[in-house]
Amino acid sequence: MATKFEVGRLGITPGAQKQIPMKEVEIAVNRHASGDWGEICDEDRSQNEWALENDARLMSVYESESGEPFWIITEADRSSTTILLPSEY
């Protein structure tokens, strides 16, 4: 899977670390970096595509196998990416 951008330093919040298996996190980060934004609306998908070209923040939404939703957010400068639960935002 080819990446479209650098994810920078990876971080994960305590809630996401507790709720999402690391193997699923790894798969989701790879999807995110390749431009597979997961379960987002068309407007957010378009925003991410614009953000790729304009150095803005990127956000993906995924669901774990157990049904737990989680987000992956990469900062505009691509210095870091955070995995978190929506409740931790």
N, C-alpha and C. Protein backbone atom coordinates (compact mmCIF):
# COMPACT_ATOMS: atom_id res chain seq x y z
N MET A 1 0.84 -1.17 0.00
CA MET A 1 0.00 0.00 0.00
C MET A 1 0.90 1.24 0.00
N ALA A 2 0.82 2.04 -1.01
CA ALA A 2 1.66 3.24 -1.12
C ALA A 2 1.12 4.36 -0.23
N THR A 3 2.02 5.05 0.43
CA THR A 3 1.59 6.15 1.29
C THR A 3 1.52 7.45 0.50
N LYS A 4 0.59 8.32 0.90
CA LYS A 4 0.42 9.61 0.26
C LYS A 4 1.07 10.73 1.05
N PHE A 5 1.43 10.46 2.32
CA PHE A 5 2.03 11.47 3.18
C PHE A 5 2.72 10.78 4.35
N GLU A 6 3.59 11.54 5.01
CA GLU A 6 4.27 11.05 6.20
C GLU A 6 3.36 11.25 7.41
N VAL A 7 3.32 10.29 8.29
CA VAL A 7 2.47 10.41 9.48
C VAL A 7 3.21 11.05 10.65
N GLY A 8 4.52 11.16 10.58
CA GLY A 8 5.28 11.76 11.67
C GLY A 8 5.29 10.87 12.90
N ARG A 9 5.41 11.49 14.05
CA ARG A 9 5.44 10.77 15.32
C ARG A 9 4.04 10.24 15.64
N LEU A 10 3.93 8.97 15.96
CA LEU A 10 2.64 8.37 16.29
C LEU A 10 2.37 8.47 17.78
N GLY A 11 1.13 8.79 18.11
CA GLY A 11 0.69 8.81 19.49
C GLY A 11 -0.67 8.15 19.58
N ILE A 12 -0.98 7.60 20.74
CA ILE A 12 -2.27 6.98 20.95
C ILE A 12 -2.76 7.36 22.35
N THR A 13 -4.01 7.74 22.45
CA THR A 13 -4.56 8.14 23.74
C THR A 13 -4.80 6.90 24.61
N PRO A 14 -4.90 7.09 25.92
CA PRO A 14 -5.11 5.95 26.81
C PRO A 14 -6.38 5.14 26.47
N GLY A 15 -7.45 5.83 26.15
CA GLY A 15 -8.70 5.14 25.82
C GLY A 15 -8.57 4.28 24.58
N ALA A 16 -7.96 4.84 23.54
CA ALA A 16 -7.78 4.08 22.30
C ALA A 16 -6.84 2.91 22.53
N GLN A 17 -5.80 3.12 23.32
CA GLN A 17 -4.86 2.04 23.60
C GLN A 17 -5.55 0.89 24.33
N LYS A 18 -6.48 1.23 25.18
CA LYS A 18 -7.21 0.22 25.96
C LYS A 18 -8.26 -0.50 25.11
N GLN A 19 -8.92 0.23 24.20
CA GLN A 19 -10.08 -0.30 23.48
C GLN A 19 -9.76 -0.92 22.11
N ILE A 20 -8.70 -0.47 21.45
CA ILE A 20 -8.43 -0.89 20.08
C ILE A 20 -7.19 -1.77 20.06
N PRO A 21 -7.30 -3.01 19.58
CA PRO A 21 -6.12 -3.88 19.49
C PRO A 21 -5.04 -3.26 18.59
N MET A 22 -3.78 -3.38 18.99
CA MET A 22 -2.68 -2.76 18.26
C MET A 22 -2.61 -3.21 16.80
N LYS A 23 -2.95 -4.44 16.51
CA LYS A 23 -2.94 -4.91 15.12
C LYS A 23 -3.94 -4.10 14.29
N GLU A 24 -5.11 -3.82 14.87
CA GLU A 24 -6.11 -3.02 14.16
C GLU A 24 -5.66 -1.58 14.01
N VAL A 25 -4.96 -1.05 15.01
CA VAL A 25 -4.40 0.30 14.92
C VAL A 25 -3.40 0.37 13.78
N GLU A 26 -2.52 -0.63 13.71
CA GLU A 26 -1.50 -0.67 12.66
C GLU A 26 -2.15 -0.69 11.26
N ILE A 27 -3.15 -1.51 11.09
CA ILE A 27 -3.85 -1.59 9.80
C ILE A 27 -4.49 -0.25 9.47
N ALA A 28 -5.15 0.37 10.45
CA ALA A 28 -5.83 1.65 10.22
C ALA A 28 -4.83 2.76 9.89
N VAL A 29 -3.70 2.81 10.57
CA VAL A 29 -2.69 3.84 10.27
C VAL A 29 -2.18 3.67 8.84
N ASN A 30 -1.98 2.45 8.42
CA ASN A 30 -1.55 2.21 7.03
C ASN A 30 -2.63 2.64 6.04
N ARG A 31 -3.88 2.37 6.35
CA ARG A 31 -4.98 2.82 5.48
C ARG A 31 -5.00 4.35 5.42
N HIS A 32 -4.91 4.97 6.58
CA HIS A 32 -4.92 6.44 6.68
C HIS A 32 -3.81 7.05 5.82
N ALA A 33 -2.59 6.54 5.98
CA ALA A 33 -1.44 7.09 5.24
C ALA A 33 -1.55 6.87 3.74
N SER A 34 -2.33 5.88 3.34
CA SER A 34 -2.50 5.62 1.90
C SER A 34 -3.68 6.39 1.30
N GLY A 35 -4.39 7.15 2.13
CA GLY A 35 -5.52 7.93 1.62
C GLY A 35 -6.85 7.23 1.69
N ASP A 36 -6.93 6.11 2.40
CA ASP A 36 -8.20 5.44 2.65
C ASP A 36 -8.72 6.02 3.97
N TRP A 37 -9.65 6.95 3.87
CA TRP A 37 -10.10 7.73 5.02
C TRP A 37 -11.14 7.03 5.88
N GLY A 38 -11.50 5.81 5.52
CA GLY A 38 -12.44 5.06 6.34
C GLY A 38 -13.88 5.54 6.18
N GLU A 39 -14.58 5.60 7.29
CA GLU A 39 -16.01 5.89 7.31
C GLU A 39 -16.30 7.37 7.51
N ILE A 40 -15.93 8.19 6.52
CA ILE A 40 -16.21 9.62 6.60
C ILE A 40 -17.18 10.01 5.49
N CYS A 41 -17.84 11.14 5.68
CA CYS A 41 -18.80 11.61 4.69
C CYS A 41 -18.05 12.16 3.46
N ASP A 42 -18.78 12.35 2.39
CA ASP A 42 -18.17 12.84 1.15
C ASP A 42 -17.52 14.22 1.33
N GLU A 43 -18.14 15.07 2.14
CA GLU A 43 -17.58 16.40 2.38
C GLU A 43 -16.22 16.30 3.07
N ASP A 44 -16.13 15.44 4.09
CA ASP A 44 -14.85 15.26 4.79
C ASP A 44 -13.81 14.59 3.90
N ARG A 45 -14.26 13.69 3.05
CA ARG A 45 -13.36 13.04 2.09
C ARG A 45 -12.76 14.09 1.15
N SER A 46 -13.60 14.98 0.66
CA SER A 46 -13.12 16.07 -0.21
C SER A 46 -12.17 17.00 0.54
N GLN A 47 -12.49 17.26 1.80
CA GLN A 47 -11.62 18.11 2.63
C GLN A 47 -10.24 17.48 2.78
N ASN A 48 -10.20 16.16 3.02
CA ASN A 48 -8.92 15.48 3.14
C ASN A 48 -8.13 15.54 1.84
N GLU A 49 -8.79 15.36 0.73
CA GLU A 49 -8.09 15.43 -0.56
C GLU A 49 -7.51 16.83 -0.77
N TRP A 50 -8.28 17.86 -0.40
CA TRP A 50 -7.78 19.23 -0.47
C TRP A 50 -6.60 19.40 0.48
N ALA A 51 -6.72 18.85 1.70
CA ALA A 51 -5.68 18.98 2.72
C ALA A 51 -4.36 18.35 2.28
N LEU A 52 -4.43 17.29 1.50
CA LEU A 52 -3.20 16.67 0.99
C LEU A 52 -2.38 17.66 0.16
N GLU A 53 -3.05 18.46 -0.62
CA GLU A 53 -2.38 19.41 -1.52
C GLU A 53 -2.06 20.74 -0.84
N ASN A 54 -2.71 21.02 0.29
CA ASN A 54 -2.59 22.34 0.91
C ASN A 54 -2.08 22.30 2.35
N ASP A 55 -1.43 21.22 2.71
CA ASP A 55 -0.81 21.09 4.03
C ASP A 55 -1.77 21.45 5.17
N ALA A 56 -2.91 20.80 5.17
CA ALA A 56 -3.88 20.98 6.25
C ALA A 56 -4.04 19.65 6.99
N ARG A 57 -4.76 19.70 8.10
CA ARG A 57 -4.96 18.53 8.94
C ARG A 57 -5.76 17.46 8.21
N LEU A 58 -5.41 16.20 8.46
CA LEU A 58 -6.09 15.05 7.86
C LEU A 58 -6.77 14.23 8.96
N MET A 59 -7.97 13.73 8.67
CA MET A 59 -8.68 12.94 9.66
C MET A 59 -9.37 11.76 9.01
N SER A 60 -9.22 10.60 9.63
CA SER A 60 -9.89 9.39 9.19
C SER A 60 -10.72 8.84 10.33
N VAL A 61 -11.75 8.08 9.98
CA VAL A 61 -12.62 7.45 10.97
C VAL A 61 -12.72 5.97 10.65
N TYR A 62 -12.46 5.14 11.64
CA TYR A 62 -12.52 3.69 11.47
C TYR A 62 -13.34 3.08 12.60
N GLU A 63 -13.63 1.81 12.45
CA GLU A 63 -14.34 1.07 13.49
C GLU A 63 -13.58 -0.22 13.73
N SER A 64 -13.34 -0.52 14.99
CA SER A 64 -12.64 -1.76 15.33
C SER A 64 -13.55 -2.96 15.07
N GLU A 65 -12.96 -4.13 15.06
CA GLU A 65 -13.74 -5.35 14.85
C GLU A 65 -14.82 -5.52 15.91
N SER A 66 -14.59 -4.95 17.10
CA SER A 66 -15.58 -5.04 18.18
C SER A 66 -16.65 -3.95 18.08
N GLY A 67 -16.54 -3.07 17.07
CA GLY A 67 -17.54 -2.03 16.86
C GLY A 67 -17.20 -0.68 17.48
N GLU A 68 -16.01 -0.55 18.06
CA GLU A 68 -15.59 0.70 18.69
C GLU A 68 -15.09 1.68 17.63
N PRO A 69 -15.74 2.85 17.49
CA PRO A 69 -15.22 3.84 16.53
C PRO A 69 -13.96 4.50 17.07
N PHE A 70 -13.04 4.82 16.14
CA PHE A 70 -11.85 5.57 16.53
C PHE A 70 -11.41 6.44 15.38
N TRP A 71 -10.69 7.49 15.75
CA TRP A 71 -10.23 8.48 14.79
C TRP A 71 -8.72 8.44 14.68
N ILE A 72 -8.23 8.85 13.52
CA ILE A 72 -6.80 9.08 13.32
C ILE A 72 -6.66 10.48 12.73
N ILE A 73 -5.87 11.31 13.40
CA ILE A 73 -5.69 12.70 12.98
C ILE A 73 -4.20 12.97 12.77
N THR A 74 -3.86 13.45 11.58
CA THR A 74 -2.49 13.87 11.28
C THR A 74 -2.46 15.39 11.22
N GLU A 75 -1.52 15.98 11.94
CA GLU A 75 -1.40 17.44 11.98
C GLU A 75 -1.01 18.01 10.62
N ALA A 76 -1.34 19.26 10.44
CA ALA A 76 -1.10 19.94 9.15
C ALA A 76 0.35 19.87 8.71
N ASP A 77 1.28 19.98 9.65
CA ASP A 77 2.70 19.97 9.29
C ASP A 77 3.26 18.54 9.16
N ARG A 78 2.38 17.55 9.34
CA ARG A 78 2.73 16.11 9.22
C ARG A 78 3.77 15.67 10.24
N SER A 79 3.88 16.43 11.34
CA SER A 79 4.86 16.08 12.37
C SER A 79 4.37 14.98 13.29
N SER A 80 3.05 14.82 13.39
CA SER A 80 2.52 13.80 14.29
C SER A 80 1.13 13.35 13.86
N THR A 81 0.82 12.13 14.29
CA THR A 81 -0.48 11.52 14.04
C THR A 81 -0.95 10.92 15.36
N THR A 82 -2.22 11.15 15.67
CA THR A 82 -2.79 10.65 16.93
C THR A 82 -3.96 9.73 16.65
N ILE A 83 -4.00 8.62 17.37
CA ILE A 83 -5.11 7.68 17.33
C ILE A 83 -5.90 7.92 18.61
N LEU A 84 -7.19 8.14 18.49
CA LEU A 84 -8.01 8.45 19.66
C LEU A 84 -9.45 8.01 19.47
N LEU A 85 -10.15 7.92 20.59
CA LEU A 85 -11.59 7.67 20.57
C LEU A 85 -12.29 9.00 20.40
N PRO A 86 -13.46 9.03 19.77
CA PRO A 86 -14.20 10.30 19.61
C PRO A 86 -14.43 11.00 20.96
N SER A 87 -14.67 10.23 22.01
CA SER A 87 -14.92 10.81 23.33
C SER A 87 -13.69 11.49 23.92
N GLU A 88 -12.51 11.25 23.35
CA GLU A 88 -11.27 11.83 23.86
C GLU A 88 -10.87 13.10 23.10
N TYR A 89 -11.67 13.51 22.13
CA TYR A 89 -11.34 14.68 21.32
C TYR A 89 -11.57 15.96 22.10
